Amino acid sequence: MDEREKLRKFRELDDAFAEALRELEKPNPKLDIPTGPPVRSLAELEAEEQQQRQQVFEQRLKSLMNEYAQPRESVTVLLRTLQTLGRIA
């Protein structure tokens, strides 16, 4: 694509963007612009994923505790030991 073609496409895009902005500034715009669902922040998504991972971990841990008949106190000591040794975060 040569420079003239790139410049022409840029101008078309710039004109379309300017027209859209003018339409938005009108008091009673005739355009029906769909807004879609609210956008969630990346931090919210990461927090939700972290919470889901934690819930899955807790479910697996409880299942293993039941399967091997380990009391909560024993597992707590084991997890603290692993944390101290740097085996888990």
PDB file of N, CA and C in Angstrom:
ATOM      1  N   MET A   1       0.865  -1.174   0.000  1.00  0.00           N
ATOM      2  CA  MET A   1       0.000   0.000   0.000  1.00  0.00           C
ATOM      3  C   MET A   1       0.913   1.240   0.000  1.00  0.00           C
ATOM      4  N   ASP A   2       0.673   2.108  -0.932  1.00  0.00           N
ATOM      5  CA  ASP A   2       1.542   3.287  -1.011  1.00  0.00           C
ATOM      6  C   ASP A   2       1.074   4.365  -0.042  1.00  0.00           C
ATOM      7  N   GLU A   3       1.881   5.388   0.084  1.00  0.00           N
ATOM      8  CA  GLU A   3       1.614   6.452   1.052  1.00  0.00           C
ATOM      9  C   GLU A   3       0.312   7.192   0.759  1.00  0.00           C
ATOM     10  N   ARG A   4      -0.018   7.395  -0.510  1.00  0.00           N
ATOM     11  CA  ARG A   4      -1.264   8.096  -0.857  1.00  0.00           C
ATOM     12  C   ARG A   4      -2.482   7.306  -0.396  1.00  0.00           C
ATOM     13  N   GLU A   5      -2.424   5.995  -0.589  1.00  0.00           N
ATOM     14  CA  GLU A   5      -3.539   5.137  -0.171  1.00  0.00           C
ATOM     15  C   GLU A   5      -3.689   5.159   1.351  1.00  0.00           C
ATOM     16  N   LYS A   6      -2.582   5.101   2.055  1.00  0.00           N
ATOM     17  CA  LYS A   6      -2.620   5.167   3.516  1.00  0.00           C
ATOM     18  C   LYS A   6      -3.213   6.495   3.990  1.00  0.00           C
ATOM     19  N   LEU A   7      -2.787   7.574   3.357  1.00  0.00           N
ATOM     20  CA  LEU A   7      -3.283   8.895   3.715  1.00  0.00           C
ATOM     21  C   LEU A   7      -4.783   9.014   3.434  1.00  0.00           C
ATOM     22  N   ARG A   8      -5.232   8.467   2.306  1.00  0.00           N
ATOM     23  CA  ARG A   8      -6.654   8.508   1.958  1.00  0.00           C
ATOM     24  C   ARG A   8      -7.479   7.732   2.990  1.00  0.00           C
ATOM     25  N   LYS A   9      -7.018   6.559   3.364  1.00  0.00           N
ATOM     26  CA  LYS A   9      -7.746   5.751   4.353  1.00  0.00           C
ATOM     27  C   LYS A   9      -7.767   6.445   5.713  1.00  0.00           C
ATOM     28  N   PHE A  10      -6.652   7.072   6.079  1.00  0.00           N
ATOM     29  CA  PHE A  10      -6.612   7.796   7.339  1.00  0.00           C
ATOM     30  C   PHE A  10      -7.611   8.947   7.334  1.00  0.00           C
ATOM     31  N   ARG A  11      -7.684   9.685   6.232  1.00  0.00           N
ATOM     32  CA  ARG A  11      -8.625  10.805   6.133  1.00  0.00           C
ATOM     33  C   ARG A  11     -10.068  10.316   6.219  1.00  0.00           C
ATOM     34  N   GLU A  12     -10.355   9.184   5.564  1.00  0.00           N
ATOM     35  CA  GLU A  12     -11.710   8.628   5.636  1.00  0.00           C
ATOM     36  C   GLU A  12     -12.053   8.269   7.083  1.00  0.00           C
ATOM     37  N   LEU A  13     -11.129   7.654   7.745  1.00  0.00           N
ATOM     38  CA  LEU A  13     -11.349   7.273   9.144  1.00  0.00           C
ATOM     39  C   LEU A  13     -11.507   8.504  10.020  1.00  0.00           C
ATOM     40  N   ASP A  14     -10.677   9.504   9.792  1.00  0.00           N
ATOM     41  CA  ASP A  14     -10.748  10.744  10.557  1.00  0.00           C
ATOM     42  C   ASP A  14     -12.092  11.439  10.324  1.00  0.00           C
ATOM     43  N   ASP A  15     -12.554  11.470   9.079  1.00  0.00           N
ATOM     44  CA  ASP A  15     -13.846  12.093   8.756  1.00  0.00           C
ATOM     45  C   ASP A  15     -14.996  11.340   9.432  1.00  0.00           C
ATOM     46  N   ALA A  16     -14.935  10.014   9.399  1.00  0.00           N
ATOM     47  CA  ALA A  16     -15.992   9.218  10.024  1.00  0.00           C
ATOM     48  C   ALA A  16     -16.013   9.446  11.533  1.00  0.00           C
ATOM     49  N   PHE A  17     -14.850   9.526  12.138  1.00  0.00           N
ATOM     50  CA  PHE A  17     -14.764   9.758  13.577  1.00  0.00           C
ATOM     51  C   PHE A  17     -15.314  11.146  13.928  1.00  0.00           C
ATOM     52  N   ALA A  18     -14.945  12.140  13.144  1.00  0.00           N
ATOM     53  CA  ALA A  18     -15.433  13.500  13.383  1.00  0.00           C
ATOM     54  C   ALA A  18     -16.953  13.560  13.247  1.00  0.00           C
ATOM     55  N   GLU A  19     -17.494  12.872  12.256  1.00  0.00           N
ATOM     56  CA  GLU A  19     -18.948  12.847  12.061  1.00  0.00           C
ATOM     57  C   GLU A  19     -19.633  12.180  13.266  1.00  0.00           C
ATOM     58  N   ALA A  20     -19.062  11.101  13.748  1.00  0.00           N
ATOM     59  CA  ALA A  20     -19.638  10.420  14.919  1.00  0.00           C
ATOM     60  C   ALA A  20     -19.626  11.336  16.137  1.00  0.00           C
ATOM     61  N   LEU A  21     -18.551  12.077  16.321  1.00  0.00           N
ATOM     62  CA  LEU A  21     -18.485  13.014  17.447  1.00  0.00           C
ATOM     63  C   LEU A  21     -19.534  14.115  17.315  1.00  0.00           C
ATOM     64  N   ARG A  22     -19.720  14.624  16.105  1.00  0.00           N
ATOM     65  CA  ARG A  22     -20.739  15.659  15.903  1.00  0.00           C
ATOM     66  C   ARG A  22     -22.132  15.117  16.216  1.00  0.00           C
ATOM     67  N   GLU A  23     -22.397  13.883  15.836  1.00  0.00           N
ATOM     68  CA  GLU A  23     -23.702  13.277  16.117  1.00  0.00           C
ATOM     69  C   GLU A  23     -23.928  13.138  17.623  1.00  0.00           C
ATOM     70  N   LEU A  24     -22.873  12.796  18.346  1.00  0.00           N
ATOM     71  CA  LEU A  24     -23.001  12.640  19.793  1.00  0.00           C
ATOM     72  C   LEU A  24     -23.249  13.973  20.495  1.00  0.00           C
ATOM     73  N   GLU A  25     -22.769  15.056  19.929  1.00  0.00           N
ATOM     74  CA  GLU A  25     -22.920  16.366  20.558  1.00  0.00           C
ATOM     75  C   GLU A  25     -24.290  16.987  20.325  1.00  0.00           C
ATOM     76  N   LYS A  26     -25.065  16.461  19.397  1.00  0.00           N
ATOM     77  CA  LYS A  26     -26.395  17.015  19.135  1.00  0.00           C
ATOM     78  C   LYS A  26     -27.295  16.744  20.337  1.00  0.00           C
ATOM     79  N   PRO A  27     -28.226  17.688  20.656  1.00  0.00           N
ATOM     80  CA  PRO A  27     -29.096  17.491  21.821  1.00  0.00           C
ATOM     81  C   PRO A  27     -30.027  16.298  21.678  1.00  0.00           C
ATOM     82  N   ASN A  28     -30.580  16.081  20.538  1.00  0.00           N
ATOM     83  CA  ASN A  28     -31.460  14.936  20.283  1.00  0.00           C
ATOM     84  C   ASN A  28     -30.898  14.119  19.130  1.00  0.00           C
ATOM     85  N   PRO A  29     -29.903  13.337  19.388  1.00  0.00           N
ATOM     86  CA  PRO A  29     -29.294  12.588  18.295  1.00  0.00           C
ATOM     87  C   PRO A  29     -30.278  11.576  17.716  1.00  0.00           C
ATOM     88  N   LYS A  30     -30.244  11.437  16.401  1.00  0.00           N
ATOM     89  CA  LYS A  30     -31.119  10.486  15.728  1.00  0.00           C
ATOM     90  C   LYS A  30     -30.506   9.096  15.706  1.00  0.00           C
ATOM     91  N   LEU A  31     -29.222   9.023  15.967  1.00  0.00           N
ATOM     92  CA  LEU A  31     -28.564   7.733  15.971  1.00  0.00           C
ATOM     93  C   LEU A  31     -28.871   6.994  17.265  1.00  0.00           C
ATOM     94  N   ASP A  32     -29.140   5.724  17.140  1.00  0.00           N
ATOM     95  CA  ASP A  32     -29.341   4.880  18.315  1.00  0.00           C
ATOM     96  C   ASP A  32     -28.052   4.102  18.517  1.00  0.00           C
ATOM     97  N   ILE A  33     -27.210   4.591  19.399  1.00  0.00           N
ATOM     98  CA  ILE A  33     -25.904   3.991  19.611  1.00  0.00           C
ATOM     99  C   ILE A  33     -26.023   2.957  20.728  1.00  0.00           C
ATOM    100  N   PRO A  34     -25.789   1.683  20.397  1.00  0.00           N
ATOM    101  CA  PRO A  34     -25.870   0.659  21.447  1.00  0.00           C
ATOM    102  C   PRO A  34     -24.716   0.821  22.422  1.00  0.00           C
ATOM    103  N   THR A  35     -25.019   0.695  23.678  1.00  0.00           N
ATOM    104  CA  THR A  35     -23.981   0.852  24.692  1.00  0.00           C
ATOM    105  C   THR A  35     -23.459  -0.480  25.190  1.00  0.00           C
ATOM    106  N   GLY A  36     -24.250  -1.529  25.102  1.00  0.00           N
ATOM    107  CA  GLY A  36     -23.802  -2.843  25.547  1.00  0.00           C
ATOM    108  C   GLY A  36     -23.729  -2.927  27.057  1.00  0.00           C
ATOM    109  N   PRO A  37     -23.240  -4.043  27.547  1.00  0.00           N
ATOM    110  CA  PRO A  37     -23.139  -4.222  28.993  1.00  0.00           C
ATOM    111  C   PRO A  37     -22.038  -3.322  29.554  1.00  0.00           C
ATOM    112  N   PRO A  38     -22.107  -3.016  30.838  1.00  0.00           N
ATOM    113  CA  PRO A  38     -21.069  -2.167  31.436  1.00  0.00           C
ATOM    114  C   PRO A  38     -19.714  -2.866  31.367  1.00  0.00           C
ATOM    115  N   VAL A  39     -18.691  -2.083  31.164  1.00  0.00           N
ATOM    116  CA  VAL A  39     -17.335  -2.604  31.074  1.00  0.00           C
ATOM    117  C   VAL A  39     -16.774  -2.752  32.478  1.00  0.00           C
ATOM    118  N   ARG A  40     -16.210  -3.917  32.746  1.00  0.00           N
ATOM    119  CA  ARG A  40     -15.625  -4.153  34.053  1.00  0.00           C
ATOM    120  C   ARG A  40     -14.127  -3.936  33.966  1.00  0.00           C
ATOM    121  N   SER A  41     -13.570  -3.443  35.017  1.00  0.00           N
ATOM    122  CA  SER A  41     -12.138  -3.157  35.009  1.00  0.00           C
ATOM    123  C   SER A  41     -11.338  -4.452  35.091  1.00  0.00           C
ATOM    124  N   LEU A  42     -10.109  -4.357  34.650  1.00  0.00           N
ATOM    125  CA  LEU A  42      -9.211  -5.497  34.694  1.00  0.00           C
ATOM    126  C   LEU A  42      -8.990  -5.951  36.131  1.00  0.00           C
ATOM    127  N   ALA A  43      -8.913  -5.007  37.042  1.00  0.00           N
ATOM    128  CA  ALA A  43      -8.706  -5.350  38.458  1.00  0.00           C
ATOM    129  C   ALA A  43      -9.883  -6.163  38.994  1.00  0.00           C
ATOM    130  N   GLU A  44     -11.101  -5.779  38.598  1.00  0.00           N
ATOM    131  CA  GLU A  44     -12.285  -6.529  39.046  1.00  0.00           C
ATOM    132  C   GLU A  44     -12.256  -7.949  38.494  1.00  0.00           C
ATOM    133  N   LEU A  45     -11.897  -8.087  37.210  1.00  0.00           N
ATOM    134  CA  LEU A  45     -11.829  -9.414  36.597  1.00  0.00           C
ATOM    135  C   LEU A  45     -10.768 -10.277  37.268  1.00  0.00           C
ATOM    136  N   GLU A  46      -9.614  -9.682  37.544  1.00  0.00           N
ATOM    137  CA  GLU A  46      -8.551 -10.443  38.206  1.00  0.00           C
ATOM    138  C   GLU A  46      -8.959 -10.843  39.620  1.00  0.00           C
ATOM    139  N   ALA A  47      -9.639  -9.960  40.327  1.00  0.00           N
ATOM    140  CA  ALA A  47     -10.094 -10.278  41.684  1.00  0.00           C
ATOM    141  C   ALA A  47     -11.117 -11.417  41.649  1.00  0.00           C
ATOM    142  N   GLU A  48     -12.001 -11.377  40.659  1.00  0.00           N
ATOM    143  CA  GLU A  48     -13.004 -12.438  40.523  1.00  0.00           C
ATOM    144  C   GLU A  48     -12.340 -13.766  40.191  1.00  0.00           C
ATOM    145  N   GLU A  49     -11.346 -13.762  39.304  1.00  0.00           N
ATOM    146  CA  GLU A  49     -10.628 -14.989  38.959  1.00  0.00           C
ATOM    147  C   GLU A  49      -9.882 -15.537  40.174  1.00  0.00           C
ATOM    148  N   GLN A  50      -9.263 -14.636  40.931  1.00  0.00           N
ATOM    149  CA  GLN A  50      -8.544 -15.055  42.142  1.00  0.00           C
ATOM    150  C   GLN A  50      -9.502 -15.699  43.135  1.00  0.00           C
ATOM    151  N   GLN A  51     -10.677 -15.109  43.296  1.00  0.00           N
ATOM    152  CA  GLN A  51     -11.672 -15.653  44.213  1.00  0.00           C
ATOM    153  C   GLN A  51     -12.130 -17.042  43.752  1.00  0.00           C
ATOM    154  N   GLN A  52     -12.321 -17.206  42.447  1.00  0.00           N
ATOM    155  CA  GLN A  52     -12.731 -18.507  41.926  1.00  0.00           C
ATOM    156  C   GLN A  52     -11.642 -19.554  42.142  1.00  0.00           C
ATOM    157  N   ARG A  53     -10.373 -19.168  41.896  1.00  0.00           N
ATOM    158  CA  ARG A  53      -9.263 -20.110  42.129  1.00  0.00           C
ATOM    159  C   ARG A  53      -9.186 -20.504  43.597  1.00  0.00           C
ATOM    160  N   GLN A  54      -9.415 -19.536  44.484  1.00  0.00           N
ATOM    161  CA  GLN A  54      -9.376 -19.822  45.912  1.00  0.00           C
ATOM    162  C   GLN A  54     -10.497 -20.782  46.305  1.00  0.00           C
ATOM    163  N   GLN A  55     -11.691 -20.585  45.745  1.00  0.00           N
ATOM    164  CA  GLN A  55     -12.806 -21.472  46.045  1.00  0.00           C
ATOM    165  C   GLN A  55     -12.523 -22.894  45.560  1.00  0.00           C
ATOM    166  N   VAL A  56     -11.947 -23.018  44.367  1.00  0.00           N
ATOM    167  CA  VAL A  56     -11.606 -24.333  43.832  1.00  0.00           C
ATOM    168  C   VAL A  56     -10.565 -24.997  44.723  1.00  0.00           C
ATOM    169  N   PHE A  57      -9.555 -24.219  45.137  1.00  0.00           N
ATOM    170  CA  PHE A  57      -8.521 -24.760  46.024  1.00  0.00           C
ATOM    171  C   PHE A  57      -9.132 -25.258  47.331  1.00  0.00           C
ATOM    172  N   GLU A  58      -9.992 -24.442  47.917  1.00  0.00           N
ATOM    173  CA  GLU A  58     -10.616 -24.825  49.190  1.00  0.00           C
ATOM    174  C   GLU A  58     -11.456 -26.090  49.030  1.00  0.00           C
ATOM    175  N   GLN A  59     -12.187 -26.208  47.932  1.00  0.00           N
ATOM    176  CA  GLN A  59     -12.999 -27.408  47.695  1.00  0.00           C
ATOM    177  C   GLN A  59     -12.119 -28.641  47.559  1.00  0.00           C
ATOM    178  N   ARG A  60     -11.024 -28.509  46.808  1.00  0.00           N
ATOM    179  CA  ARG A  60     -10.109 -29.646  46.638  1.00  0.00           C
ATOM    180  C   ARG A  60      -9.452 -30.030  47.965  1.00  0.00           C
ATOM    181  N   LEU A  61      -9.051 -29.006  48.711  1.00  0.00           N
ATOM    182  CA  LEU A  61      -8.420 -29.272  49.998  1.00  0.00           C
ATOM    183  C   LEU A  61      -9.381 -29.993  50.944  1.00  0.00           C
ATOM    184  N   LYS A  62     -10.613 -29.527  51.019  1.00  0.00           N
ATOM    185  CA  LYS A  62     -11.603 -30.182  51.887  1.00  0.00           C
ATOM    186  C   LYS A  62     -11.854 -31.622  51.449  1.00  0.00           C
ATOM    187  N   SER A  63     -11.890 -31.836  50.146  1.00  0.00           N
ATOM    188  CA  SER A  63     -12.098 -33.178  49.624  1.00  0.00           C
ATOM    189  C   SER A  63     -10.944 -34.098  50.023  1.00  0.00           C
ATOM    190  N   LEU A  64      -9.728 -33.601  49.883  1.00  0.00           N
ATOM    191  CA  LEU A  64      -8.558 -34.401  50.282  1.00  0.00           C
ATOM    192  C   LEU A  64      -8.537 -34.645  51.784  1.00  0.00           C
ATOM    193  N   MET A  65      -8.910 -33.640  52.569  1.00  0.00           N
ATOM    194  CA  MET A  65      -8.951 -33.809  54.017  1.00  0.00           C
ATOM    195  C   MET A  65      -9.937 -34.913  54.393  1.00  0.00           C
ATOM    196  N   ASN A  66     -11.087 -34.911  53.734  1.00  0.00           N
ATOM    197  CA  ASN A  66     -12.080 -35.960  54.017  1.00  0.00           C
ATOM    198  C   ASN A  66     -11.591 -37.325  53.556  1.00  0.00           C
ATOM    199  N   GLU A  67     -10.982 -37.363  52.366  1.00  0.00           N
ATOM    200  CA  GLU A  67     -10.524 -38.635  51.803  1.00  0.00           C
ATOM    201  C   GLU A  67      -9.447 -39.284  52.678  1.00  0.00           C
ATOM    202  N   TYR A  68      -8.542 -38.462  53.217  1.00  0.00           N
ATOM    203  CA  TYR A  68      -7.444 -38.992  54.019  1.00  0.00           C
ATOM    204  C   TYR A  68      -7.676 -38.829  55.521  1.00  0.00           C
ATOM    205  N   ALA A  69      -8.875 -38.424  55.902  1.00  0.00           N
ATOM    206  CA  ALA A  69      -9.269 -38.300  57.304  1.00  0.00           C
ATOM    207  C   ALA A  69      -8.273 -37.447  58.096  1.00  0.00           C
ATOM    208  N   GLN A  70      -7.954 -36.277  57.555  1.00  0.00           N
ATOM    209  CA  GLN A  70      -7.025 -35.369  58.209  1.00  0.00           C
ATOM    210  C   GLN A  70      -7.808 -34.227  58.862  1.00  0.00           C
ATOM    211  N   PRO A  71      -7.538 -33.975  60.139  1.00  0.00           N
ATOM    212  CA  PRO A  71      -8.224 -32.875  60.817  1.00  0.00           C
ATOM    213  C   PRO A  71      -7.701 -31.514  60.322  1.00  0.00           C
ATOM    214  N   ARG A  72      -8.510 -30.514  60.520  1.00  0.00           N
ATOM    215  CA  ARG A  72      -8.182 -29.158  60.083  1.00  0.00           C
ATOM    216  C   ARG A  72      -6.853 -28.671  60.668  1.00  0.00           C
ATOM    217  N   GLU A  73      -6.613 -28.981  61.925  1.00  0.00           N
ATOM    218  CA  GLU A  73      -5.414 -28.523  62.599  1.00  0.00           C
ATOM    219  C   GLU A  73      -4.154 -29.091  61.949  1.00  0.00           C
ATOM    220  N   SER A  74      -4.183 -30.367  61.577  1.00  0.00           N
ATOM    221  CA  SER A  74      -3.030 -31.011  60.927  1.00  0.00           C
ATOM    222  C   SER A  74      -2.734 -30.351  59.582  1.00  0.00           C
ATOM    223  N   VAL A  75      -3.776 -30.094  58.837  1.00  0.00           N
ATOM    224  CA  VAL A  75      -3.610 -29.492  57.518  1.00  0.00           C
ATOM    225  C   VAL A  75      -3.109 -28.054  57.653  1.00  0.00           C
ATOM    226  N   THR A  76      -3.590 -27.344  58.654  1.00  0.00           N
ATOM    227  CA  THR A  76      -3.135 -25.978  58.890  1.00  0.00           C
ATOM    228  C   THR A  76      -1.646 -25.961  59.188  1.00  0.00           C
ATOM    229  N   VAL A  77      -1.181 -26.864  60.032  1.00  0.00           N
ATOM    230  CA  VAL A  77       0.247 -26.952  60.353  1.00  0.00           C
ATOM    231  C   VAL A  77       1.050 -27.282  59.095  1.00  0.00           C
ATOM    232  N   LEU A  78       0.567 -28.202  58.297  1.00  0.00           N
ATOM    233  CA  LEU A  78       1.244 -28.586  57.059  1.00  0.00           C
ATOM    234  C   LEU A  78       1.354 -27.391  56.109  1.00  0.00           C
ATOM    235  N   LEU A  79       0.274 -26.667  55.918  1.00  0.00           N
ATOM    236  CA  LEU A  79       0.283 -25.512  55.017  1.00  0.00           C
ATOM    237  C   LEU A  79       1.222 -24.421  55.518  1.00  0.00           C
ATOM    238  N   ARG A  80       1.227 -24.167  56.816  1.00  0.00           N
ATOM    239  CA  ARG A  80       2.143 -23.156  57.367  1.00  0.00           C
ATOM    240  C   ARG A  80       3.601 -23.575  57.185  1.00  0.00           C
ATOM    241  N   THR A  81       3.875 -24.857  57.349  1.00  0.00           N
ATOM    242  CA  THR A  81       5.229 -25.365  57.149  1.00  0.00           C
ATOM    243  C   THR A  81       5.652 -25.185  55.695  1.00  0.00           C
ATOM    244  N   LEU A  82       4.767 -25.520  54.768  1.00  0.00           N
ATOM    245  CA  LEU A  82       5.069 -25.348  53.351  1.00  0.00           C
ATOM    246  C   LEU A  82       5.300 -23.881  52.998  1.00  0.00           C
ATOM    247  N   GLN A  83       4.515 -22.995  53.599  1.00  0.00           N
ATOM    248  CA  GLN A  83       4.707 -21.563  53.366  1.00  0.00           C
ATOM    249  C   GLN A  83       6.066 -21.112  53.893  1.00  0.00           C
ATOM    250  N   THR A  84       6.407 -21.554  55.074  1.00  0.00           N
ATOM    251  CA  THR A  84       7.685 -21.183  55.692  1.00  0.00           C
ATOM    252  C   THR A  84       8.853 -21.646  54.829  1.00  0.00           C
ATOM    253  N   LEU A  85       8.730 -22.832  54.243  1.00  0.00           N
ATOM    254  CA  LEU A  85       9.793 -23.375  53.414  1.00  0.00           C
ATOM    255  C   LEU A  85       9.791 -22.771  52.004  1.00  0.00           C
ATOM    256  N   GLY A  86       8.798 -21.959  51.718  1.00  0.00           N
ATOM    257  CA  GLY A  86       8.721 -21.329  50.389  1.00  0.00           C
ATOM    258  C   GLY A  86       8.175 -22.229  49.308  1.00  0.00           C
ATOM    259  N   ARG A  87       7.522 -23.300  49.692  1.00  0.00           N
ATOM    260  CA  ARG A  87       6.957 -24.241  48.705  1.00  0.00           C
ATOM    261  C   ARG A  87       5.637 -23.754  48.123  1.00  0.00           C
ATOM    262  N   ILE A  88       4.953 -22.909  48.873  1.00  0.00           N
ATOM    263  CA  ILE A  88       3.697 -22.302  48.382  1.00  0.00           C
ATOM    264  C   ILE A  88       3.717 -20.824  48.722  1.00  0.00           C
ATOM    265  N   ALA A  89       2.953 -20.075  47.952  1.00  0.00           N
ATOM    266  CA  ALA A  89       2.920 -18.613  48.163  1.00  0.00           C
ATOM    267  C   ALA A  89       1.916 -18.250  49.212  1.00  0.00           C
TER     268      ALA A  89
END
